[in-house]
N, C-alpha and C. Protein backbone atom coordinates (compact mmCIF):
# COMPACT_ATOMS: atom_id res chain seq x y z
N UNK A 1 100.60 103.44 115.74
CA UNK A 1 101.95 103.24 116.00
C UNK A 1 102.68 102.79 114.66
N UNK A 2 103.77 103.35 114.46
CA UNK A 2 104.51 103.05 113.22
C UNK A 2 104.95 101.59 113.22
N UNK A 3 105.30 101.08 114.37
CA UNK A 3 105.85 99.69 114.45
C UNK A 3 104.81 98.70 114.14
N UNK A 4 103.68 98.84 114.72
CA UNK A 4 102.66 97.77 114.62
C UNK A 4 101.54 98.11 113.65
N UNK A 5 101.41 99.33 113.26
CA UNK A 5 100.39 99.65 112.26
C UNK A 5 99.00 99.62 112.91
N UNK A 6 98.95 99.67 114.27
CA UNK A 6 97.68 99.56 114.96
C UNK A 6 96.96 100.91 114.89
N UNK A 7 95.67 100.84 115.18
CA UNK A 7 94.84 101.99 115.14
C UNK A 7 94.00 101.96 116.37
N UNK A 8 93.53 103.19 116.84
CA UNK A 8 92.63 103.26 117.88
C UNK A 8 91.25 103.08 117.37
N UNK A 9 90.36 102.47 118.16
CA UNK A 9 89.05 102.31 117.79
C UNK A 9 88.14 102.35 118.94
N UNK A 10 86.85 102.65 118.79
CA UNK A 10 85.86 102.78 119.89
C UNK A 10 84.64 102.00 119.44
N UNK A 11 84.02 101.30 120.41
CA UNK A 11 82.77 100.61 120.19
C UNK A 11 81.75 101.17 121.20
N UNK A 12 80.70 101.79 120.67
CA UNK A 12 79.73 102.39 121.54
C UNK A 12 78.49 101.53 121.64
N UNK A 13 77.87 101.61 122.77
CA UNK A 13 76.54 100.96 123.03
C UNK A 13 76.62 99.46 122.75
N UNK A 14 77.69 98.80 123.22
CA UNK A 14 77.76 97.30 123.03
C UNK A 14 77.72 96.71 124.37
N UNK A 15 76.98 95.53 124.42
CA UNK A 15 76.90 94.75 125.59
C UNK A 15 77.91 93.66 125.57
N UNK A 16 78.74 93.59 126.63
CA UNK A 16 79.73 92.53 126.73
C UNK A 16 79.36 91.76 127.93
N UNK A 17 79.06 90.46 127.82
CA UNK A 17 78.72 89.57 128.98
C UNK A 17 79.78 89.51 129.91
N UNK A 18 79.53 89.47 131.15
CA UNK A 18 80.55 89.40 132.23
C UNK A 18 81.55 88.24 132.03
N UNK A 19 81.03 87.11 131.41
CA UNK A 19 81.93 86.02 131.28
C UNK A 19 83.01 86.29 130.26
N UNK A 20 82.90 87.35 129.42
CA UNK A 20 83.89 87.71 128.43
C UNK A 20 84.76 88.84 128.93
N UNK A 21 84.61 89.29 130.18
CA UNK A 21 85.51 90.32 130.75
C UNK A 21 86.57 89.69 131.57
N UNK A 22 87.62 90.53 131.78
CA UNK A 22 88.81 90.03 132.51
C UNK A 22 89.30 91.11 133.46
N UNK A 23 89.39 90.79 134.66
CA UNK A 23 89.95 91.70 135.66
C UNK A 23 91.08 91.01 136.37
N UNK A 24 92.31 91.62 136.34
CA UNK A 24 93.43 91.01 136.91
C UNK A 24 93.17 90.49 138.34
N UNK A 25 93.54 89.16 138.49
CA UNK A 25 93.37 88.58 139.87
C UNK A 25 92.08 87.84 140.01
N UNK A 26 91.13 88.02 139.10
CA UNK A 26 89.89 87.23 139.15
C UNK A 26 89.83 86.19 138.10
N UNK A 27 89.29 85.03 138.48
CA UNK A 27 89.18 83.91 137.58
C UNK A 27 87.70 83.68 137.32
N UNK A 28 87.37 83.92 136.03
CA UNK A 28 85.93 83.67 135.65
C UNK A 28 85.80 82.48 134.77
N UNK A 29 86.91 82.03 134.13
CA UNK A 29 86.90 80.86 133.27
C UNK A 29 88.01 79.93 133.64
N UNK A 30 87.79 78.65 133.55
CA UNK A 30 88.87 77.72 134.04
C UNK A 30 90.04 77.44 133.00
N UNK A 31 89.85 77.80 131.81
CA UNK A 31 90.91 77.52 130.79
C UNK A 31 92.17 78.27 131.19
N UNK A 32 93.33 77.62 131.02
CA UNK A 32 94.68 78.26 131.44
C UNK A 32 94.84 79.67 130.82
N UNK A 33 94.36 79.94 129.56
CA UNK A 33 94.55 81.22 129.00
C UNK A 33 93.84 82.34 129.70
N UNK A 34 92.70 81.96 130.37
CA UNK A 34 91.92 82.89 131.08
C UNK A 34 92.04 82.85 132.60
N UNK A 35 92.62 81.80 133.07
CA UNK A 35 92.69 81.68 134.54
C UNK A 35 93.81 82.51 135.22
N UNK A 36 94.75 82.89 134.46
CA UNK A 36 95.80 83.76 135.10
C UNK A 36 96.14 84.91 134.17
N UNK A 37 96.14 86.09 134.65
CA UNK A 37 96.35 87.34 133.87
C UNK A 37 97.67 87.28 133.14
N UNK A 38 98.67 86.71 133.66
CA UNK A 38 99.96 86.65 133.02
C UNK A 38 99.95 86.00 131.68
N UNK A 39 98.99 85.08 131.46
CA UNK A 39 98.80 84.41 130.13
C UNK A 39 98.53 85.38 129.03
N UNK A 40 98.05 86.55 129.37
CA UNK A 40 97.66 87.51 128.29
C UNK A 40 98.82 87.92 127.45
N UNK A 41 100.03 87.95 128.02
CA UNK A 41 101.16 88.38 127.23
C UNK A 41 101.67 87.32 126.24
N UNK A 42 101.05 86.07 126.35
CA UNK A 42 101.46 85.00 125.41
C UNK A 42 101.15 85.49 123.95
N UNK A 43 100.10 86.29 123.76
CA UNK A 43 99.78 86.80 122.41
C UNK A 43 100.89 87.57 121.90
N UNK A 44 101.44 88.50 122.68
CA UNK A 44 102.55 89.33 122.20
C UNK A 44 103.80 88.51 121.90
N UNK A 45 104.02 87.53 122.66
CA UNK A 45 105.25 86.62 122.42
C UNK A 45 105.04 85.89 121.10
N UNK A 46 103.76 85.45 120.87
CA UNK A 46 103.53 84.81 119.60
C UNK A 46 103.68 85.66 118.35
N UNK A 47 103.40 86.94 118.52
CA UNK A 47 103.65 87.95 117.46
C UNK A 47 105.13 88.03 117.16
N UNK A 48 105.89 88.18 118.20
CA UNK A 48 107.38 88.31 118.04
C UNK A 48 107.91 87.06 117.34
N UNK A 49 107.57 85.88 117.81
CA UNK A 49 108.07 84.66 117.15
C UNK A 49 107.57 84.56 115.68
N UNK A 50 106.32 84.92 115.43
CA UNK A 50 105.83 84.81 114.09
C UNK A 50 106.52 85.78 113.10
N UNK A 51 106.73 87.02 113.64
CA UNK A 51 107.41 88.09 112.75
C UNK A 51 108.79 87.64 112.45
N UNK A 52 109.53 87.14 113.51
CA UNK A 52 110.85 86.69 113.24
C UNK A 52 110.98 85.53 112.34
N UNK A 53 110.01 84.58 112.37
CA UNK A 53 110.04 83.44 111.55
C UNK A 53 109.75 83.92 110.12
N UNK A 54 108.88 84.81 109.89
CA UNK A 54 108.58 85.35 108.53
C UNK A 54 109.79 86.12 108.06
N UNK A 55 110.46 86.86 108.92
CA UNK A 55 111.67 87.59 108.48
C UNK A 55 112.76 86.64 108.05
N UNK A 56 112.89 85.51 108.69
CA UNK A 56 113.86 84.54 108.23
C UNK A 56 113.59 84.08 106.85
N UNK A 57 112.32 83.71 106.60
CA UNK A 57 111.93 83.22 105.21
C UNK A 57 112.18 84.33 104.19
N UNK A 58 111.85 85.57 104.52
CA UNK A 58 112.08 86.66 103.53
C UNK A 58 113.57 86.93 103.32
N UNK A 59 114.41 86.85 104.42
CA UNK A 59 115.82 87.04 104.25
C UNK A 59 116.42 85.98 103.40
N UNK A 60 116.09 84.72 103.65
CA UNK A 60 116.64 83.67 102.86
C UNK A 60 116.26 83.80 101.42
N UNK A 61 115.08 84.19 101.14
CA UNK A 61 114.64 84.38 99.74
C UNK A 61 115.42 85.59 99.10
N UNK A 62 115.60 86.67 99.86
CA UNK A 62 116.39 87.82 99.35
C UNK A 62 117.84 87.41 99.05
N UNK A 63 118.42 86.62 99.98
CA UNK A 63 119.84 86.17 99.73
C UNK A 63 119.97 85.23 98.53
N UNK A 64 118.94 84.42 98.39
CA UNK A 64 118.97 83.46 97.31
C UNK A 64 118.85 84.13 95.90
N UNK A 65 118.34 85.35 95.85
CA UNK A 65 118.24 86.05 94.60
C UNK A 65 119.22 87.21 94.49
N UNK A 66 120.15 87.39 95.43
CA UNK A 66 120.98 88.53 95.42
C UNK A 66 122.33 88.23 94.92
N UNK A 67 122.90 89.09 94.19
CA UNK A 67 124.35 89.06 93.74
C UNK A 67 125.06 90.25 94.32
N UNK A 68 126.22 90.04 94.91
CA UNK A 68 126.99 91.07 95.51
C UNK A 68 127.55 91.95 94.36
N UNK A 69 127.38 93.27 94.52
CA UNK A 69 127.91 94.18 93.55
C UNK A 69 129.37 94.34 93.66
N UNK A 70 129.95 94.08 94.78
CA UNK A 70 131.33 94.25 95.05
C UNK A 70 132.11 93.02 94.49
N UNK A 71 131.65 91.83 94.67
CA UNK A 71 132.30 90.63 94.22
C UNK A 71 131.73 89.94 92.95
N UNK A 72 130.55 90.36 92.63
CA UNK A 72 129.86 89.72 91.53
C UNK A 72 129.56 88.24 91.75
N UNK A 73 129.53 87.82 93.04
CA UNK A 73 129.20 86.47 93.32
C UNK A 73 127.77 86.49 93.96
N UNK A 74 127.20 85.27 93.93
CA UNK A 74 125.97 85.08 94.64
C UNK A 74 126.07 85.39 96.12
N UNK A 75 125.02 86.11 96.69
CA UNK A 75 125.14 86.43 98.09
C UNK A 75 125.37 85.18 98.99
N UNK A 76 124.81 84.10 98.51
CA UNK A 76 124.94 82.86 99.39
C UNK A 76 126.38 82.34 99.30
N UNK A 77 127.20 82.93 98.48
CA UNK A 77 128.63 82.46 98.49
C UNK A 77 129.55 83.46 99.26
N UNK A 78 128.92 84.48 99.78
CA UNK A 78 129.67 85.43 100.59
C UNK A 78 129.96 84.93 101.97
N UNK A 79 131.12 85.07 102.53
CA UNK A 79 131.46 84.42 103.83
C UNK A 79 130.56 84.77 104.98
N UNK A 80 129.99 85.99 105.00
CA UNK A 80 129.15 86.31 106.11
C UNK A 80 127.69 86.01 106.04
N UNK A 81 127.25 85.68 104.82
CA UNK A 81 125.84 85.46 104.64
C UNK A 81 125.29 84.15 105.30
N UNK A 82 125.96 83.07 105.08
CA UNK A 82 125.41 81.77 105.62
C UNK A 82 125.55 81.74 107.19
N UNK A 83 126.67 82.14 107.77
CA UNK A 83 126.61 82.17 109.28
C UNK A 83 125.61 83.13 109.81
N UNK A 84 125.41 84.24 109.19
CA UNK A 84 124.39 85.22 109.72
C UNK A 84 122.97 84.63 109.63
N UNK A 85 122.74 83.98 108.59
CA UNK A 85 121.36 83.33 108.46
C UNK A 85 121.23 82.17 109.47
N UNK A 86 122.30 81.33 109.56
CA UNK A 86 122.22 80.21 110.51
C UNK A 86 122.13 80.69 111.97
N UNK A 87 122.86 81.77 112.32
CA UNK A 87 122.77 82.26 113.63
C UNK A 87 121.38 82.84 113.97
N UNK A 88 120.77 83.53 113.04
CA UNK A 88 119.45 84.09 113.19
C UNK A 88 118.44 82.92 113.36
N UNK A 89 118.56 81.95 112.60
CA UNK A 89 117.68 80.75 112.71
C UNK A 89 117.76 80.14 114.09
N UNK A 90 119.01 80.03 114.62
CA UNK A 90 119.14 79.43 115.93
C UNK A 90 118.56 80.31 117.06
N UNK A 91 118.75 81.61 116.90
CA UNK A 91 118.16 82.57 117.91
C UNK A 91 116.63 82.47 117.88
N UNK A 92 116.07 82.40 116.76
CA UNK A 92 114.58 82.32 116.65
C UNK A 92 114.13 80.95 117.17
N UNK A 93 114.80 79.90 116.80
CA UNK A 93 114.42 78.52 117.26
C UNK A 93 114.57 78.38 118.81
N UNK A 94 115.63 78.91 119.31
CA UNK A 94 115.82 78.84 120.77
C UNK A 94 114.79 79.63 121.51
N UNK A 95 114.46 80.73 121.00
CA UNK A 95 113.41 81.54 121.62
C UNK A 95 112.04 80.79 121.56
N UNK A 96 111.80 80.24 120.43
CA UNK A 96 110.55 79.52 120.30
C UNK A 96 110.45 78.25 121.27
N UNK A 97 111.55 77.56 121.38
CA UNK A 97 111.59 76.43 122.29
C UNK A 97 111.44 76.88 123.78
N UNK A 98 112.04 77.96 124.13
CA UNK A 98 111.94 78.52 125.53
C UNK A 98 110.51 78.90 125.75
N UNK A 99 109.82 79.60 124.77
CA UNK A 99 108.51 80.02 125.01
C UNK A 99 107.56 78.82 125.14
N UNK A 100 107.66 77.86 124.24
CA UNK A 100 106.76 76.70 124.21
C UNK A 100 106.99 75.91 125.48
N UNK A 101 108.27 75.70 125.92
CA UNK A 101 108.46 74.83 127.05
C UNK A 101 107.87 75.62 128.34
N UNK A 102 108.17 76.86 128.49
CA UNK A 102 107.70 77.62 129.63
C UNK A 102 106.19 77.72 129.64
N UNK A 103 105.64 78.02 128.52
CA UNK A 103 104.17 78.15 128.40
C UNK A 103 103.49 76.81 128.68
N UNK A 104 104.08 75.69 128.22
CA UNK A 104 103.52 74.40 128.49
C UNK A 104 103.49 74.07 130.00
N UNK A 105 104.61 74.35 130.69
CA UNK A 105 104.58 74.12 132.07
C UNK A 105 103.64 75.00 132.80
N UNK A 106 103.48 76.23 132.45
CA UNK A 106 102.45 77.12 133.08
C UNK A 106 101.06 76.62 132.87
N UNK A 107 100.74 76.24 131.61
CA UNK A 107 99.41 75.77 131.31
C UNK A 107 99.10 74.47 132.06
N UNK A 108 100.09 73.58 132.14
CA UNK A 108 99.84 72.43 132.93
C UNK A 108 99.55 72.59 134.38
N UNK A 109 100.29 73.49 134.98
CA UNK A 109 100.11 73.86 136.36
C UNK A 109 98.70 74.48 136.59
N UNK A 110 98.34 75.45 135.75
CA UNK A 110 97.06 76.10 135.84
C UNK A 110 95.93 75.17 135.56
N UNK A 111 96.02 74.24 134.56
CA UNK A 111 95.05 73.34 134.24
C UNK A 111 94.78 72.31 135.34
N UNK A 112 95.85 72.11 136.13
CA UNK A 112 95.74 71.19 137.33
C UNK A 112 95.14 71.85 138.49
N UNK A 113 94.75 73.20 138.32
CA UNK A 113 94.19 73.87 139.42
C UNK A 113 95.09 74.36 140.51
N UNK A 114 96.44 74.33 140.11
CA UNK A 114 97.42 74.71 141.20
C UNK A 114 97.85 76.20 140.91
N UNK A 115 98.33 76.82 141.96
CA UNK A 115 98.87 78.17 141.78
C UNK A 115 100.23 78.11 141.23
N UNK A 116 100.61 79.08 140.43
CA UNK A 116 101.98 79.11 139.98
C UNK A 116 102.99 79.52 140.94
N UNK A 117 104.07 78.91 140.99
CA UNK A 117 105.16 79.26 141.95
C UNK A 117 105.85 80.57 141.49
N UNK A 118 106.59 81.20 142.40
CA UNK A 118 107.26 82.43 142.09
C UNK A 118 108.35 82.09 141.04
N UNK A 119 108.96 80.94 141.11
CA UNK A 119 109.98 80.52 140.10
C UNK A 119 109.29 80.36 138.65
N UNK A 120 108.15 79.84 138.66
CA UNK A 120 107.46 79.74 137.35
C UNK A 120 107.13 81.06 136.82
N UNK A 121 106.64 81.98 137.67
CA UNK A 121 106.34 83.34 137.22
C UNK A 121 107.61 84.07 136.73
N UNK A 122 108.68 83.83 137.49
CA UNK A 122 109.95 84.48 137.10
C UNK A 122 110.40 84.01 135.76
N UNK A 123 110.30 82.66 135.52
CA UNK A 123 110.73 82.16 134.22
C UNK A 123 109.90 82.72 133.10
N UNK A 124 108.58 82.86 133.34
CA UNK A 124 107.71 83.40 132.31
C UNK A 124 108.03 84.84 132.03
N UNK A 125 108.26 85.70 133.01
CA UNK A 125 108.64 87.06 132.86
C UNK A 125 109.88 87.15 132.00
N UNK A 126 110.93 86.41 132.41
CA UNK A 126 112.17 86.37 131.71
C UNK A 126 112.01 85.88 130.27
N UNK A 127 111.19 84.81 130.14
CA UNK A 127 110.92 84.20 128.79
C UNK A 127 110.35 85.32 127.82
N UNK A 128 109.36 86.08 128.36
CA UNK A 128 108.67 87.07 127.50
C UNK A 128 109.68 88.13 126.99
N UNK A 129 110.53 88.67 127.96
CA UNK A 129 111.48 89.73 127.48
C UNK A 129 112.54 89.08 126.74
N UNK A 130 113.03 87.88 127.04
CA UNK A 130 114.04 87.23 126.21
C UNK A 130 113.53 87.06 124.79
N UNK A 131 112.38 86.48 124.64
CA UNK A 131 111.85 86.19 123.28
C UNK A 131 111.72 87.41 122.49
N UNK A 132 111.21 88.45 123.02
CA UNK A 132 110.94 89.73 122.32
C UNK A 132 112.25 90.33 121.82
N UNK A 133 113.28 90.42 122.75
CA UNK A 133 114.53 91.05 122.43
C UNK A 133 115.37 90.10 121.48
N UNK A 134 115.35 88.77 121.75
CA UNK A 134 116.12 87.85 120.96
C UNK A 134 115.55 87.81 119.52
N UNK A 135 114.23 87.88 119.38
CA UNK A 135 113.68 87.88 117.99
C UNK A 135 114.00 89.18 117.28
N UNK A 136 114.05 90.19 118.01
CA UNK A 136 114.43 91.58 117.42
C UNK A 136 115.88 91.49 116.99
N UNK A 137 116.79 90.94 117.87
CA UNK A 137 118.21 90.82 117.53
C UNK A 137 118.46 89.88 116.36
N UNK A 138 117.65 88.83 116.32
CA UNK A 138 117.80 87.88 115.12
C UNK A 138 117.37 88.62 113.86
N UNK A 139 116.32 89.40 113.85
CA UNK A 139 115.97 90.16 112.65
C UNK A 139 116.96 91.26 112.28
N UNK A 140 117.55 91.88 113.29
CA UNK A 140 118.64 92.81 112.99
C UNK A 140 119.77 92.15 112.33
N UNK A 141 120.10 90.99 112.79
CA UNK A 141 121.18 90.15 112.18
C UNK A 141 120.84 89.79 110.74
N UNK A 142 119.56 89.44 110.48
CA UNK A 142 119.13 89.21 109.13
C UNK A 142 119.21 90.46 108.25
N UNK A 143 118.79 91.52 108.73
CA UNK A 143 118.97 92.79 108.03
C UNK A 143 120.47 93.07 107.72
N UNK A 144 121.25 92.87 108.73
CA UNK A 144 122.73 93.12 108.45
C UNK A 144 123.29 92.15 107.40
N UNK A 145 122.73 90.94 107.42
CA UNK A 145 123.20 89.95 106.48
C UNK A 145 122.74 90.17 105.08
N UNK A 146 121.56 90.60 104.96
CA UNK A 146 120.93 90.95 103.61
C UNK A 146 121.61 92.21 103.03
N UNK A 147 121.77 93.17 103.90
CA UNK A 147 122.45 94.45 103.44
C UNK A 147 121.45 95.57 103.32
N UNK A 148 121.91 96.64 102.70
CA UNK A 148 121.16 97.94 102.64
C UNK A 148 119.75 97.71 102.00
N UNK A 149 119.57 96.87 101.11
CA UNK A 149 118.31 96.65 100.46
C UNK A 149 117.22 96.30 101.46
N UNK A 150 117.66 95.61 102.63
CA UNK A 150 116.64 95.23 103.62
C UNK A 150 116.08 96.41 104.31
N UNK A 151 116.74 97.59 104.18
CA UNK A 151 116.18 98.76 104.90
C UNK A 151 115.33 99.57 104.05
N UNK A 152 115.11 99.25 102.79
CA UNK A 152 114.28 100.04 101.91
C UNK A 152 112.79 99.90 102.34
N UNK A 153 112.04 100.85 102.17
CA UNK A 153 110.60 100.84 102.61
C UNK A 153 109.85 99.67 101.93
N UNK A 154 110.30 99.29 100.79
CA UNK A 154 109.60 98.20 100.03
C UNK A 154 109.98 96.81 100.60
N UNK A 155 111.00 96.75 101.41
CA UNK A 155 111.54 95.47 101.97
C UNK A 155 110.60 95.05 103.22
N UNK A 156 110.15 93.78 103.16
CA UNK A 156 109.44 93.29 104.31
C UNK A 156 110.34 93.22 105.51
N UNK A 157 111.65 93.03 105.36
CA UNK A 157 112.56 93.00 106.48
C UNK A 157 112.62 94.29 107.25
N UNK A 158 112.46 95.41 106.57
CA UNK A 158 112.38 96.69 107.26
C UNK A 158 111.20 96.78 108.21
N UNK A 159 110.06 96.28 107.66
CA UNK A 159 108.80 96.30 108.43
C UNK A 159 108.90 95.30 109.62
N UNK A 160 109.57 94.17 109.42
CA UNK A 160 109.70 93.22 110.49
C UNK A 160 110.57 93.78 111.62
N UNK A 161 111.68 94.45 111.24
CA UNK A 161 112.50 95.01 112.26
C UNK A 161 111.77 96.16 113.03
N UNK A 162 111.04 96.97 112.30
CA UNK A 162 110.24 97.99 112.93
C UNK A 162 109.25 97.37 113.91
N UNK A 163 108.58 96.36 113.50
CA UNK A 163 107.57 95.72 114.34
C UNK A 163 108.22 95.16 115.65
N UNK A 164 109.40 94.55 115.52
CA UNK A 164 110.01 93.95 116.65
C UNK A 164 110.67 94.94 117.50
N UNK A 165 111.18 96.11 117.00
CA UNK A 165 111.54 97.13 117.81
C UNK A 165 110.41 97.65 118.67
N UNK A 166 109.21 97.75 118.09
CA UNK A 166 108.06 98.18 118.85
C UNK A 166 107.75 97.19 119.99
N UNK A 167 107.78 95.87 119.73
CA UNK A 167 107.48 94.88 120.69
C UNK A 167 108.49 94.93 121.82
N UNK A 168 109.81 95.10 121.47
CA UNK A 168 110.89 95.18 122.48
C UNK A 168 110.66 96.44 123.41
N UNK A 169 109.97 97.41 122.97
CA UNK A 169 109.81 98.65 123.75
C UNK A 169 108.45 98.58 124.54
N UNK A 170 107.57 97.56 124.35
CA UNK A 170 106.33 97.46 125.10
C UNK A 170 106.60 97.35 126.56
N UNK A 171 105.71 97.87 127.29
CA UNK A 171 105.87 97.91 128.78
C UNK A 171 105.97 96.56 129.44
N UNK A 172 105.45 95.49 128.83
CA UNK A 172 105.52 94.15 129.42
C UNK A 172 106.61 93.34 128.80
N UNK A 173 107.36 93.92 127.87
CA UNK A 173 108.48 93.05 127.31
C UNK A 173 109.80 93.87 127.18
N UNK A 174 109.83 95.00 127.77
CA UNK A 174 111.08 95.80 127.64
C UNK A 174 112.02 95.37 128.74
N UNK A 175 113.27 95.93 128.72
CA UNK A 175 114.33 95.47 129.60
C UNK A 175 114.03 95.46 131.08
N UNK A 176 113.15 96.42 131.60
CA UNK A 176 112.85 96.41 133.04
C UNK A 176 112.24 95.17 133.49
N UNK A 177 111.65 94.35 132.62
CA UNK A 177 111.04 93.07 133.00
C UNK A 177 112.07 92.16 133.57
N UNK A 178 113.39 92.27 133.05
CA UNK A 178 114.40 91.48 133.67
C UNK A 178 114.50 91.65 135.16
N UNK A 179 114.36 92.86 135.59
CA UNK A 179 114.35 93.19 137.05
C UNK A 179 113.11 92.56 137.74
N UNK A 180 112.05 92.64 137.11
CA UNK A 180 110.83 91.96 137.69
C UNK A 180 110.98 90.45 137.78
N UNK A 181 111.61 89.79 136.69
CA UNK A 181 111.84 88.45 136.73
C UNK A 181 112.80 88.04 137.88
N UNK A 182 113.85 88.80 138.07
CA UNK A 182 114.80 88.53 139.07
C UNK A 182 114.17 88.66 140.50
N UNK A 183 113.36 89.65 140.61
CA UNK A 183 112.70 89.86 141.91
C UNK A 183 111.70 88.73 142.24
N UNK A 184 111.06 88.17 141.29
CA UNK A 184 110.17 87.09 141.47
C UNK A 184 110.91 85.82 142.07
N UNK A 185 112.14 85.69 141.63
CA UNK A 185 112.90 84.53 142.19
C UNK A 185 113.13 84.69 143.70
N UNK A 186 112.92 85.91 144.16
CA UNK A 186 113.08 86.16 145.65
C UNK A 186 111.76 86.58 146.27
N UNK A 187 110.65 86.10 145.58
CA UNK A 187 109.33 86.27 146.12
C UNK A 187 108.85 87.71 146.13
N UNK A 188 109.37 88.56 145.25
CA UNK A 188 109.03 89.98 145.14
C UNK A 188 108.18 90.16 143.99
N UNK A 189 106.85 90.33 144.13
CA UNK A 189 105.97 90.53 142.92
C UNK A 189 106.27 91.87 142.25
N UNK A 190 106.14 91.89 140.95
CA UNK A 190 106.35 93.10 140.21
C UNK A 190 105.28 94.15 140.46
N UNK A 191 105.51 95.42 140.06
CA UNK A 191 104.48 96.43 140.31
C UNK A 191 103.21 96.26 139.46
N UNK A 192 103.30 95.46 138.46
CA UNK A 192 102.19 95.11 137.58
C UNK A 192 101.75 93.71 137.73
N UNK A 193 100.45 93.35 137.97
CA UNK A 193 100.15 92.03 138.34
C UNK A 193 100.15 90.98 137.17
N UNK A 194 100.84 91.32 136.10
CA UNK A 194 100.80 90.47 134.89
C UNK A 194 101.80 89.34 135.02
N UNK A 195 102.72 89.44 135.96
CA UNK A 195 103.67 88.29 136.07
C UNK A 195 103.62 87.76 137.43
């Protein structure tokens, strides 16, 4: 995939102990990460948050070294640069807080041996799609703030935006998950047992 740079691979003639396998709906290990299938998407959310955080660092560095060709002023003195950077930082930080808070609540419930409520599952589904799309939107804002140079193939911001566009299109983090989240609030399980 162009967005993630992933590659297909095959492992032949390998033995995988049953304790290392995972079947939706079955609990073979007590740890929260393995006890509920929905926790598997936490990995993808972590990627979105990490990519967005790195994009912020790269955008700030690019702005710090950039001079506007139109005004011949430092980019950090341009009226749109500072608010764009600050808004992106807030979007990324809010997403991170939402993920950590929701994930912490789910982990505590699962660790206590309790079943997750439909409301908890709904919040998690919404949290996943929110984080993926908000991180992508924040990086788009950073690209807009830095300018055309951010879209060059040599720019890490171009790669960050590409990666987050890929994450936002993933089957478990795209816009239809909003519908699944809303349905869970009314005790309607989604068609995929991940939430």
